[in-house]
C-alpha atoms as a PDB file:
ATOM      1  CA  MET A   1       6.892 -36.704  -1.642  1.00  0.00           C
ATOM      2  CA  LYS A   2       6.695 -40.127  -3.296  1.00  0.00           C
ATOM      3  CA  GLY A   3       4.494 -42.774  -1.350  1.00  0.00           C
ATOM      4  CA  ARG A   4       3.127 -40.488   1.282  1.00  0.00           C
ATOM      5  CA  ALA A   5       2.044 -42.748   4.248  1.00  0.00           C
ATOM      6  CA  ASP A   6       0.210 -41.829   7.362  1.00  0.00           C
ATOM      7  CA  LEU A   7       0.887 -44.719   9.888  1.00  0.00           C
ATOM      8  CA  HIS A   8      -1.536 -43.403  13.009  1.00  0.00           C
ATOM      9  CA  MET A   9      -5.230 -43.208  12.302  1.00  0.00           C
ATOM     10  CA  HIS A  10      -8.233 -44.017  14.434  1.00  0.00           C
ATOM     11  CA  THR A  11     -11.952 -44.970  13.176  1.00  0.00           C
ATOM     12  CA  HIS A  12     -15.064 -45.548  15.234  1.00  0.00           C
ATOM     13  CA  TYR A  13     -13.723 -48.932  16.386  1.00  0.00           C
ATOM     14  CA  SER A  14     -11.900 -46.915  19.063  1.00  0.00           C
ATOM     15  CA  ASP A  15     -12.189 -43.175  19.597  1.00  0.00           C
ATOM     16  CA  GLY A  16     -12.302 -41.945  16.046  1.00  0.00           C
ATOM     17  CA  VAL A  17     -15.580 -40.898  14.302  1.00  0.00           C
ATOM     18  CA  LEU A  18     -15.307 -42.203  10.798  1.00  0.00           C
ATOM     19  CA  SER A  19     -15.881 -45.804   9.619  1.00  0.00           C
ATOM     20  CA  PRO A  20     -12.815 -47.598   8.013  1.00  0.00           C
ATOM     21  CA  THR A  21     -14.446 -47.096   4.618  1.00  0.00           C
ATOM     22  CA  GLU A  22     -14.819 -43.458   5.228  1.00  0.00           C
ATOM     23  CA  LEU A  23     -11.371 -43.090   6.653  1.00  0.00           C
ATOM     24  CA  VAL A  24      -9.774 -44.672   3.564  1.00  0.00           C
ATOM     25  CA  ARG A  25     -11.766 -42.241   1.437  1.00  0.00           C
ATOM     26  CA  ARG A  26     -10.595 -39.259   3.343  1.00  0.00           C
ATOM     27  CA  ALA A  27      -6.952 -40.673   2.986  1.00  0.00           C
ATOM     28  CA  LYS A  28      -7.245 -40.826  -0.627  1.00  0.00           C
ATOM     29  CA  GLN A  29      -8.656 -37.497  -1.012  1.00  0.00           C
ATOM     30  CA  ALA A  30      -5.525 -36.192   1.191  1.00  0.00           C
ATOM     31  CA  GLY A  31      -3.220 -37.542  -1.221  1.00  0.00           C
ATOM     32  CA  LEU A  32      -2.131 -40.640   0.878  1.00  0.00           C
ATOM     33  CA  SER A  33      -1.065 -43.834  -0.792  1.00  0.00           C
ATOM     34  CA  ILE A  34      -0.502 -45.959   2.374  1.00  0.00           C
ATOM     35  CA  ILE A  35      -2.175 -45.854   5.664  1.00  0.00           C
ATOM     36  CA  SER A  36      -2.406 -47.696   8.842  1.00  0.00           C
ATOM     37  CA  ILE A  37      -5.604 -48.190  10.910  1.00  0.00           C
ATOM     38  CA  THR A  38      -4.334 -48.024  14.418  1.00  0.00           C
ATOM     39  CA  ASP A  39      -7.411 -48.372  16.706  1.00  0.00           C
ATOM     40  CA  HIS A  40      -6.826 -48.478  20.488  1.00  0.00           C
ATOM     41  CA  ASP A  41      -6.875 -52.306  21.510  1.00  0.00           C
ATOM     42  CA  ASN A  42      -9.064 -53.047  18.614  1.00  0.00           C
ATOM     43  CA  ALA A  43      -8.217 -54.682  15.182  1.00  0.00           C
ATOM     44  CA  ASP A  44     -11.954 -55.039  14.022  1.00  0.00           C
ATOM     45  CA  GLY A  45     -11.745 -52.301  11.487  1.00  0.00           C
ATOM     46  CA  ILE A  46      -8.827 -53.475   9.555  1.00  0.00           C
ATOM     47  CA  ASP A  47     -10.450 -55.959   7.130  1.00  0.00           C
ATOM     48  CA  GLU A  48     -13.043 -53.317   5.930  1.00  0.00           C
ATOM     49  CA  GLY A  49     -10.181 -50.811   5.578  1.00  0.00           C
ATOM     50  CA  ILE A  50      -8.092 -53.148   3.456  1.00  0.00           C
ATOM     51  CA  ARG A  51     -11.152 -53.989   1.085  1.00  0.00           C
ATOM     52  CA  GLU A  52     -11.876 -50.250   0.645  1.00  0.00           C
ATOM     53  CA  GLY A  53      -8.272 -49.701   0.106  1.00  0.00           C
ATOM     54  CA  GLN A  54      -7.887 -52.247  -2.564  1.00  0.00           C
ATOM     55  CA  THR A  55     -10.673 -50.453  -4.345  1.00  0.00           C
ATOM     56  CA  LEU A  56      -9.259 -47.054  -4.238  1.00  0.00           C
ATOM     57  CA  GLY A  57      -5.634 -47.940  -4.611  1.00  0.00           C
ATOM     58  CA  VAL A  58      -4.643 -47.221  -0.958  1.00  0.00           C
ATOM     59  CA  GLU A  59      -2.489 -49.713   0.817  1.00  0.00           C
ATOM     60  CA  VAL A  60      -3.976 -50.269   4.398  1.00  0.00           C
ATOM     61  CA  ILE A  61      -1.198 -51.843   6.727  1.00  0.00           C
ATOM     62  CA  PRO A  62      -2.644 -53.746   9.675  1.00  0.00           C
ATOM     63  CA  GLY A  63      -2.143 -51.723  12.740  1.00  0.00           C
ATOM     64  CA  MET A  64      -3.065 -51.124  16.561  1.00  0.00           C
ATOM     65  CA  GLU A  65      -2.190 -48.905  19.341  1.00  0.00           C
ATOM     66  CA  LEU A  66      -1.969 -51.079  22.448  1.00  0.00           C
ATOM     67  CA  SER A  67      -2.398 -49.639  26.028  1.00  0.00           C
ATOM     68  CA  ALA A  68       0.420 -50.369  28.404  1.00  0.00           C
ATOM     69  CA  SER A  69       1.523 -48.764  31.608  1.00  0.00           C
ATOM     70  CA  VAL A  70       4.766 -48.296  33.854  1.00  0.00           C
ATOM     71  CA  GLY A  71       3.638 -47.575  37.216  1.00  0.00           C
ATOM     72  CA  ASP A  72       1.029 -44.797  36.747  1.00  0.00           C
ATOM     73  CA  GLN A  73       2.226 -43.645  33.362  1.00  0.00           C
ATOM     74  CA  ASP A  74       0.166 -44.683  30.301  1.00  0.00           C
ATOM     75  CA  ILE A  75       2.380 -45.839  27.686  1.00  0.00           C
ATOM     76  CA  HIS A  76       1.123 -46.604  24.079  1.00  0.00           C
ATOM     77  CA  ILE A  77       2.783 -49.283  21.844  1.00  0.00           C
ATOM     78  CA  LEU A  78       1.968 -49.108  17.948  1.00  0.00           C
ATOM     79  CA  GLY A  79       1.897 -52.438  16.147  1.00  0.00           C
ATOM     80  CA  TYR A  80       2.217 -52.826  12.485  1.00  0.00           C
ATOM     81  CA  PHE A  81       2.175 -55.783   9.944  1.00  0.00           C
ATOM     82  CA  PHE A  82       0.859 -58.262  12.448  1.00  0.00           C
ATOM     83  CA  ASP A  83      -1.453 -61.089  11.529  1.00  0.00           C
ATOM     84  CA  HIS A  84      -4.747 -59.347  12.580  1.00  0.00           C
ATOM     85  CA  HIS A  85      -6.601 -62.594  12.716  1.00  0.00           C
ATOM     86  CA  ASP A  86      -4.054 -64.026  15.196  1.00  0.00           C
ATOM     87  CA  GLN A  87      -6.035 -66.094  17.816  1.00  0.00           C
ATOM     88  CA  ARG A  88      -3.839 -65.161  20.849  1.00  0.00           C
ATOM     89  CA  LEU A  89      -4.137 -61.486  19.917  1.00  0.00           C
ATOM     90  CA  HIS A  90      -7.893 -61.709  19.589  1.00  0.00           C
ATOM     91  CA  ASP A  91      -8.140 -63.600  22.994  1.00  0.00           C
ATOM     92  CA  TYR A  92      -6.205 -60.707  24.649  1.00  0.00           C
ATOM     93  CA  LEU A  93      -8.240 -58.038  22.991  1.00  0.00           C
ATOM     94  CA  ALA A  94     -11.361 -59.765  24.158  1.00  0.00           C
ATOM     95  CA  ILE A  95     -10.222 -59.538  27.591  1.00  0.00           C
ATOM     96  CA  PHE A  96      -9.171 -55.970  27.288  1.00  0.00           C
ATOM     97  CA  ARG A  97     -12.612 -55.002  25.946  1.00  0.00           C
ATOM     98  CA  ALA A  98     -14.451 -56.739  28.845  1.00  0.00           C
ATOM     99  CA  GLU A  99     -12.004 -55.014  31.397  1.00  0.00           C
ATOM    100  CA  ARG A 100     -12.817 -51.591  29.649  1.00  0.00           C
ATOM    101  CA  VAL A 101     -16.438 -52.064  30.219  1.00  0.00           C
ATOM    102  CA  ARG A 102     -15.905 -53.086  33.831  1.00  0.00           C
ATOM    103  CA  ARG A 103     -13.800 -49.975  34.322  1.00  0.00           C
ATOM    104  CA  ALA A 104     -16.430 -47.891  32.580  1.00  0.00           C
ATOM    105  CA  GLU A 105     -18.919 -49.366  35.175  1.00  0.00           C
ATOM    106  CA  ARG A 106     -16.811 -48.416  38.112  1.00  0.00           C
ATOM    107  CA  ILE A 107     -16.498 -44.794  36.880  1.00  0.00           C
ATOM    108  CA  VAL A 108     -20.227 -44.496  36.287  1.00  0.00           C
ATOM    109  CA  GLY A 109     -20.761 -45.796  39.832  1.00  0.00           C
ATOM    110  CA  LYS A 110     -18.397 -43.226  41.221  1.00  0.00           C
ATOM    111  CA  LEU A 111     -20.078 -40.479  39.355  1.00  0.00           C
ATOM    112  CA  ASN A 112     -23.451 -41.715  40.764  1.00  0.00           C
ATOM    113  CA  ASP A 113     -21.933 -41.456  44.119  1.00  0.00           C
ATOM    114  CA  LEU A 114     -21.442 -37.775  43.265  1.00  0.00           C
ATOM    115  CA  LYS A 115     -24.829 -37.389  42.445  1.00  0.00           C
ATOM    116  CA  ILE A 116     -24.333 -37.228  38.690  1.00  0.00           C
ATOM    117  CA  PRO A 117     -27.009 -39.346  37.067  1.00  0.00           C
ATOM    118  CA  LEU A 118     -25.064 -40.918  34.213  1.00  0.00           C
ATOM    119  CA  THR A 119     -25.864 -44.432  33.089  1.00  0.00           C
ATOM    120  CA  ILE A 120     -23.670 -47.137  31.797  1.00  0.00           C
ATOM    121  CA  GLU A 121     -26.109 -47.463  28.789  1.00  0.00           C
ATOM    122  CA  ALA A 122     -25.427 -43.872  27.792  1.00  0.00           C
ATOM    123  CA  VAL A 123     -21.831 -44.400  27.830  1.00  0.00           C
ATOM    124  CA  LEU A 124     -21.951 -47.738  25.733  1.00  0.00           C
ATOM    125  CA  ASP A 125     -24.363 -46.142  23.261  1.00  0.00           C
ATOM    126  CA  ARG A 126     -21.615 -43.303  22.810  1.00  0.00           C
ATOM    127  CA  ALA A 127     -18.970 -46.003  22.403  1.00  0.00           C
ATOM    128  CA  GLY A 128     -21.045 -47.994  19.834  1.00  0.00           C
ATOM    129  CA  THR A 129     -18.536 -50.339  18.110  1.00  0.00           C
ATOM    130  CA  GLY A 130     -15.497 -48.976  19.700  1.00  0.00           C
ATOM    131  CA  SER A 131     -13.653 -49.984  22.663  1.00  0.00           C
ATOM    132  CA  VAL A 132     -15.250 -48.056  25.530  1.00  0.00           C
ATOM    133  CA  GLY A 133     -13.056 -45.692  27.208  1.00  0.00           C
ATOM    134  CA  ARG A 134     -12.941 -42.316  29.203  1.00  0.00           C
ATOM    135  CA  PRO A 135     -13.560 -40.179  25.887  1.00  0.00           C
ATOM    136  CA  HIS A 136     -16.996 -41.758  25.760  1.00  0.00           C
ATOM    137  CA  ILE A 137     -17.825 -41.229  29.202  1.00  0.00           C
ATOM    138  CA  ALA A 138     -16.899 -37.661  28.764  1.00  0.00           C
ATOM    139  CA  ALA A 139     -19.026 -37.478  25.660  1.00  0.00           C
ATOM    140  CA  ALA A 140     -21.903 -38.906  27.431  1.00  0.00           C
ATOM    141  CA  LEU A 141     -21.769 -36.463  30.185  1.00  0.00           C
ATOM    142  CA  VAL A 142     -21.947 -33.563  27.837  1.00  0.00           C
ATOM    143  CA  ASP A 143     -24.747 -35.294  25.821  1.00  0.00           C
ATOM    144  CA  GLY A 144     -26.780 -35.538  28.989  1.00  0.00           C
ATOM    145  CA  GLY A 145     -26.000 -31.850  30.016  1.00  0.00           C
ATOM    146  CA  LEU A 146     -24.190 -33.259  33.146  1.00  0.00           C
ATOM    147  CA  THR A 147     -21.032 -31.181  32.421  1.00  0.00           C
ATOM    148  CA  GLY A 148     -20.381 -28.075  30.278  1.00  0.00           C
ATOM    149  CA  THR A 149     -17.529 -29.404  28.048  1.00  0.00           C
ATOM    150  CA  TYR A 150     -15.582 -32.416  27.249  1.00  0.00           C
ATOM    151  CA  HIS A 151     -12.549 -31.165  28.764  1.00  0.00           C
ATOM    152  CA  GLU A 152     -14.497 -30.171  32.053  1.00  0.00           C
ATOM    153  CA  ALA A 153     -15.437 -33.710  32.515  1.00  0.00           C
ATOM    154  CA  PHE A 154     -11.897 -34.772  32.711  1.00  0.00           C
ATOM    155  CA  LEU A 155     -10.772 -31.857  34.770  1.00  0.00           C
ATOM    156  CA  LYS A 156     -13.579 -32.242  37.383  1.00  0.00           C
ATOM    157  CA  TYR A 157     -14.296 -35.920  37.364  1.00  0.00           C
ATOM    158  CA  ILE A 158     -12.614 -38.606  35.273  1.00  0.00           C
ATOM    159  CA  GLY A 159      -9.061 -37.188  34.911  1.00  0.00           C
ATOM    160  CA  PHE A 160      -6.081 -38.791  36.670  1.00  0.00           C
ATOM    161  CA  GLY A 161      -6.558 -38.150  40.247  1.00  0.00           C
ATOM    162  CA  LYS A 162     -10.139 -36.772  40.098  1.00  0.00           C
ATOM    163  CA  PRO A 163     -12.847 -38.297  42.242  1.00  0.00           C
ATOM    164  CA  ALA A 164     -14.431 -40.444  39.614  1.00  0.00           C
ATOM    165  CA  TYR A 165     -11.080 -41.718  37.969  1.00  0.00           C
ATOM    166  CA  GLU A 166     -10.328 -45.456  37.746  1.00  0.00           C
ATOM    167  CA  LYS A 167      -7.090 -46.976  36.620  1.00  0.00           C
ATOM    168  CA  LYS A 168      -7.629 -49.105  33.481  1.00  0.00           C
ATOM    169  CA  TYR A 169      -6.713 -52.454  32.809  1.00  0.00           C
ATOM    170  CA  GLN A 170      -3.151 -52.565  31.252  1.00  0.00           C
ATOM    171  CA  ILE A 171      -0.051 -54.603  30.609  1.00  0.00           C
ATOM    172  CA  SER A 172       3.607 -53.961  30.596  1.00  0.00           C
ATOM    173  CA  PRO A 173       5.312 -52.333  27.523  1.00  0.00           C
ATOM    174  CA  ALA A 174       7.301 -55.472  27.275  1.00  0.00           C
ATOM    175  CA  ASP A 175       4.206 -57.666  27.242  1.00  0.00           C
ATOM    176  CA  ALA A 176       2.673 -55.464  24.508  1.00  0.00           C
ATOM    177  CA  VAL A 177       5.870 -55.749  22.327  1.00  0.00           C
ATOM    178  CA  GLU A 178       5.762 -59.503  22.859  1.00  0.00           C
ATOM    179  CA  LEU A 179       2.114 -59.756  21.933  1.00  0.00           C
ATOM    180  CA  ILE A 180       2.793 -57.925  18.676  1.00  0.00           C
ATOM    181  CA  THR A 181       5.864 -59.850  18.037  1.00  0.00           C
ATOM    182  CA  SER A 182       4.164 -63.216  18.444  1.00  0.00           C
ATOM    183  CA  ALA A 183       1.689 -62.209  15.890  1.00  0.00           C
ATOM    184  CA  GLY A 184       4.391 -61.479  13.276  1.00  0.00           C
ATOM    185  CA  GLY A 185       4.435 -57.552  13.560  1.00  0.00           C
ATOM    186  CA  LEU A 186       6.570 -54.634  14.436  1.00  0.00           C
ATOM    187  CA  SER A 187       6.285 -52.618  17.620  1.00  0.00           C
ATOM    188  CA  PHE A 188       6.984 -48.752  18.026  1.00  0.00           C
ATOM    189  CA  VAL A 189       6.859 -46.396  20.865  1.00  0.00           C
ATOM    190  CA  ALA A 190       3.813 -44.050  20.063  1.00  0.00           C
ATOM    191  CA  HIS A 191       4.296 -40.355  20.379  1.00  0.00           C
ATOM    192  CA  PRO A 192       6.849 -40.303  23.038  1.00  0.00           C
ATOM    193  CA  GLY A 193       7.169 -36.659  23.666  1.00  0.00           C
ATOM    194  CA  PRO A 194       6.610 -34.696  25.695  1.00  0.00           C
ATOM    195  CA  SER A 195       5.263 -37.443  28.399  1.00  0.00           C
ATOM    196  CA  ILE A 196       8.210 -39.915  27.970  1.00  0.00           C
ATOM    197  CA  ASP A 197      11.389 -38.907  29.307  1.00  0.00           C
ATOM    198  CA  GLU A 198      14.881 -40.287  28.030  1.00  0.00           C
ATOM    199  CA  LYS A 199      15.172 -42.783  30.850  1.00  0.00           C
ATOM    200  CA  LEU A 200      11.792 -44.247  30.258  1.00  0.00           C
ATOM    201  CA  LEU A 201      12.399 -44.179  26.431  1.00  0.00           C
ATOM    202  CA  LEU A 202      15.593 -46.173  26.937  1.00  0.00           C
ATOM    203  CA  ASP A 203      13.722 -48.662  29.143  1.00  0.00           C
ATOM    204  CA  LEU A 204      11.180 -49.197  26.302  1.00  0.00           C
ATOM    205  CA  ILE A 205      14.102 -49.708  23.846  1.00  0.00           C
ATOM    206  CA  LYS A 206      15.566 -52.396  26.115  1.00  0.00           C
ATOM    207  CA  ALA A 207      11.963 -53.924  26.246  1.00  0.00           C
ATOM    208  CA  GLY A 208      12.501 -54.898  22.603  1.00  0.00           C
ATOM    209  CA  VAL A 209      10.477 -52.232  20.612  1.00  0.00           C
ATOM    210  CA  ASP A 210      11.561 -52.170  17.063  1.00  0.00           C
ATOM    211  CA  GLY A 211      11.182 -48.391  16.427  1.00  0.00           C
ATOM    212  CA  ILE A 212       9.944 -44.978  17.519  1.00  0.00           C
ATOM    213  CA  GLU A 213       7.038 -42.868  16.205  1.00  0.00           C
ATOM    214  CA  VAL A 214       9.079 -39.834  15.326  1.00  0.00           C
ATOM    215  CA  VAL A 215       6.591 -37.784  13.218  1.00  0.00           C
ATOM    216  CA  HIS A 216       3.320 -36.698  15.230  1.00  0.00           C
ATOM    217  CA  PRO A 217       1.603 -33.461  15.861  1.00  0.00           C
ATOM    218  CA  ALA A 218       2.770 -33.183  19.327  1.00  0.00           C
ATOM    219  CA  HIS A 219       6.305 -33.368  18.254  1.00  0.00           C
ATOM    220  CA  SER A 220       8.302 -30.058  17.464  1.00  0.00           C
ATOM    221  CA  PRO A 221      10.824 -30.235  14.792  1.00  0.00           C
ATOM    222  CA  GLU A 222      13.349 -30.329  17.513  1.00  0.00           C
ATOM    223  CA  LEU A 223      11.841 -33.361  19.082  1.00  0.00           C
ATOM    224  CA  MET A 224      11.607 -35.027  15.619  1.00  0.00           C
ATOM    225  CA  ALA A 225      15.337 -34.545  15.153  1.00  0.00           C
ATOM    226  CA  TYR A 226      15.921 -35.799  18.615  1.00  0.00           C
ATOM    227  CA  TYR A 227      14.029 -39.090  18.155  1.00  0.00           C
ATOM    228  CA  ASN A 228      15.516 -39.499  14.793  1.00  0.00           C
ATOM    229  CA  GLY A 229      18.972 -39.310  16.540  1.00  0.00           C
ATOM    230  CA  ILE A 230      17.909 -41.962  19.121  1.00  0.00           C
ATOM    231  CA  ALA A 231      16.548 -44.238  16.506  1.00  0.00           C
ATOM    232  CA  SER A 232      19.951 -43.949  14.523  1.00  0.00           C
ATOM    233  CA  GLU A 233      21.914 -44.509  17.654  1.00  0.00           C
ATOM    234  CA  TYR A 234      20.095 -47.714  18.599  1.00  0.00           C
ATOM    235  CA  TYR A 235      19.396 -48.881  15.038  1.00  0.00           C
ATOM    236  CA  LEU A 236      15.519 -48.532  15.461  1.00  0.00           C
ATOM    237  CA  LEU A 237      13.034 -47.914  12.783  1.00  0.00           C
ATOM    238  CA  THR A 238      11.083 -44.706  12.609  1.00  0.00           C
ATOM    239  CA  SER A 239       7.430 -44.226  11.639  1.00  0.00           C
ATOM    240  CA  GLY A 240       4.886 -41.355  11.989  1.00  0.00           C
ATOM    241  CA  GLY A 241       1.395 -40.036  11.159  1.00  0.00           C
ATOM    242  CA  SER A 242      -1.318 -37.700  12.071  1.00  0.00           C
ATOM    243  CA  ASP A 243      -3.184 -39.502  14.990  1.00  0.00           C
ATOM    244  CA  PHE A 244      -6.262 -38.575  12.935  1.00  0.00           C
ATOM    245  CA  HIS A 245      -9.702 -39.067  14.682  1.00  0.00           C
ATOM    246  CA  GLY A 246     -12.033 -37.270  12.549  1.00  0.00           C
ATOM    247  CA  GLY A 247     -13.758 -35.337  15.365  1.00  0.00           C
ATOM    248  CA  ARG A 248     -10.982 -33.081  16.817  1.00  0.00           C
ATOM    249  CA  LYS A 249     -10.918 -29.333  15.930  1.00  0.00           C
ATOM    250  CA  ASN A 250      -7.579 -29.559  14.111  1.00  0.00           C
ATOM    251  CA  ASP A 251      -7.959 -32.744  12.280  1.00  0.00           C
ATOM    252  CA  HIS A 252      -8.509 -30.946   8.959  1.00  0.00           C
ATOM    253  CA  GLU A 253      -5.051 -29.566   9.475  1.00  0.00           C
ATOM    254  CA  VAL A 254      -3.082 -32.725  10.305  1.00  0.00           C
ATOM    255  CA  LEU A 255      -4.334 -34.914   7.630  1.00  0.00           C
ATOM    256  CA  GLY A 256      -1.699 -35.409   4.868  1.00  0.00           C
ATOM    257  CA  ARG A 257       0.612 -33.138   6.659  1.00  0.00           C
ATOM    258  CA  TYR A 258       2.275 -35.572   9.107  1.00  0.00           C
ATOM    259  CA  VAL A 259       3.468 -38.239   7.086  1.00  0.00           C
ATOM    260  CA  VAL A 260       6.476 -40.702   6.255  1.00  0.00           C
ATOM    261  CA  THR A 261       7.593 -42.047   2.983  1.00  0.00           C
ATOM    262  CA  ASP A 262       7.466 -45.456   1.313  1.00  0.00           C
ATOM    263  CA  LYS A 263      11.158 -45.626   2.109  1.00  0.00           C
ATOM    264  CA  HIS A 264      10.035 -45.894   5.771  1.00  0.00           C
ATOM    265  CA  ILE A 265       7.596 -48.881   4.739  1.00  0.00           C
ATOM    266  CA  ASP A 266      10.289 -50.570   2.935  1.00  0.00           C
ATOM    267  CA  MET A 267      12.661 -50.594   5.760  1.00  0.00           C
ATOM    268  CA  MET A 268       9.966 -52.142   7.964  1.00  0.00           C
ATOM    269  CA  ARG A 269       9.404 -54.882   5.432  1.00  0.00           C
ATOM    270  CA  ARG A 270      12.999 -55.590   5.175  1.00  0.00           C
ATOM    271  CA  GLN A 271      13.164 -56.019   9.042  1.00  0.00           C
ATOM    272  CA  LEU A 272      10.220 -58.448   8.830  1.00  0.00           C
ATOM    273  CA  GLN A 273      12.112 -60.504   6.356  1.00  0.00           C
END
């Protein structure tokens, strides 16, 4: 496959474990020629990734995975080719990071009320340079011997509807699309299946997304065919990637497997023009 591209990858600037430099090197080893670093609500790793990509001959497209919501449902919007130095975008991300810390503090407070002696310092240490979130809280609970496993932390304490759950600060999908568009980029619905039904997907299309992430480890061949059909019907772009984090048990299987071609990238560039 010519010009193999993975447009969904995370670094330690969100919930991945590799630095941007390490991620680009892994991508090169996997035979990828184009990648996008799409950290959650964070663009801080893009410049480092671009520099390493220039050294190794891997094109790094500016990307991000923005958090949005419809009611109680989380929606993720992928952005590509935007100006990652755009001041309005950075102002929003600064607000978002501050709200993430405040949410973590509220969750830790609820855990303390449950007699679980987790500290916010332990959570922030686990997050490091990344945008703090529930995965860091779960990891800190495991590190401290306060819960048996990462998944147990979600199932017992911090998952939706559990005693220490706190809703995170989010914006509407339409606002996320507008933020990406105003910075000169393209917006895509991230991994819609199986959590996004057809009605919600059509609402997101009406909100102005430019495309749908079709190729993803969570999508069966049938779902990929379905989303390709939706994209064709509504004249949308398509994208895809591995959603690589570097610390998940099946990451070694997905890298280099869930890809799109340089033709997809060319179509994105034509739409931008």
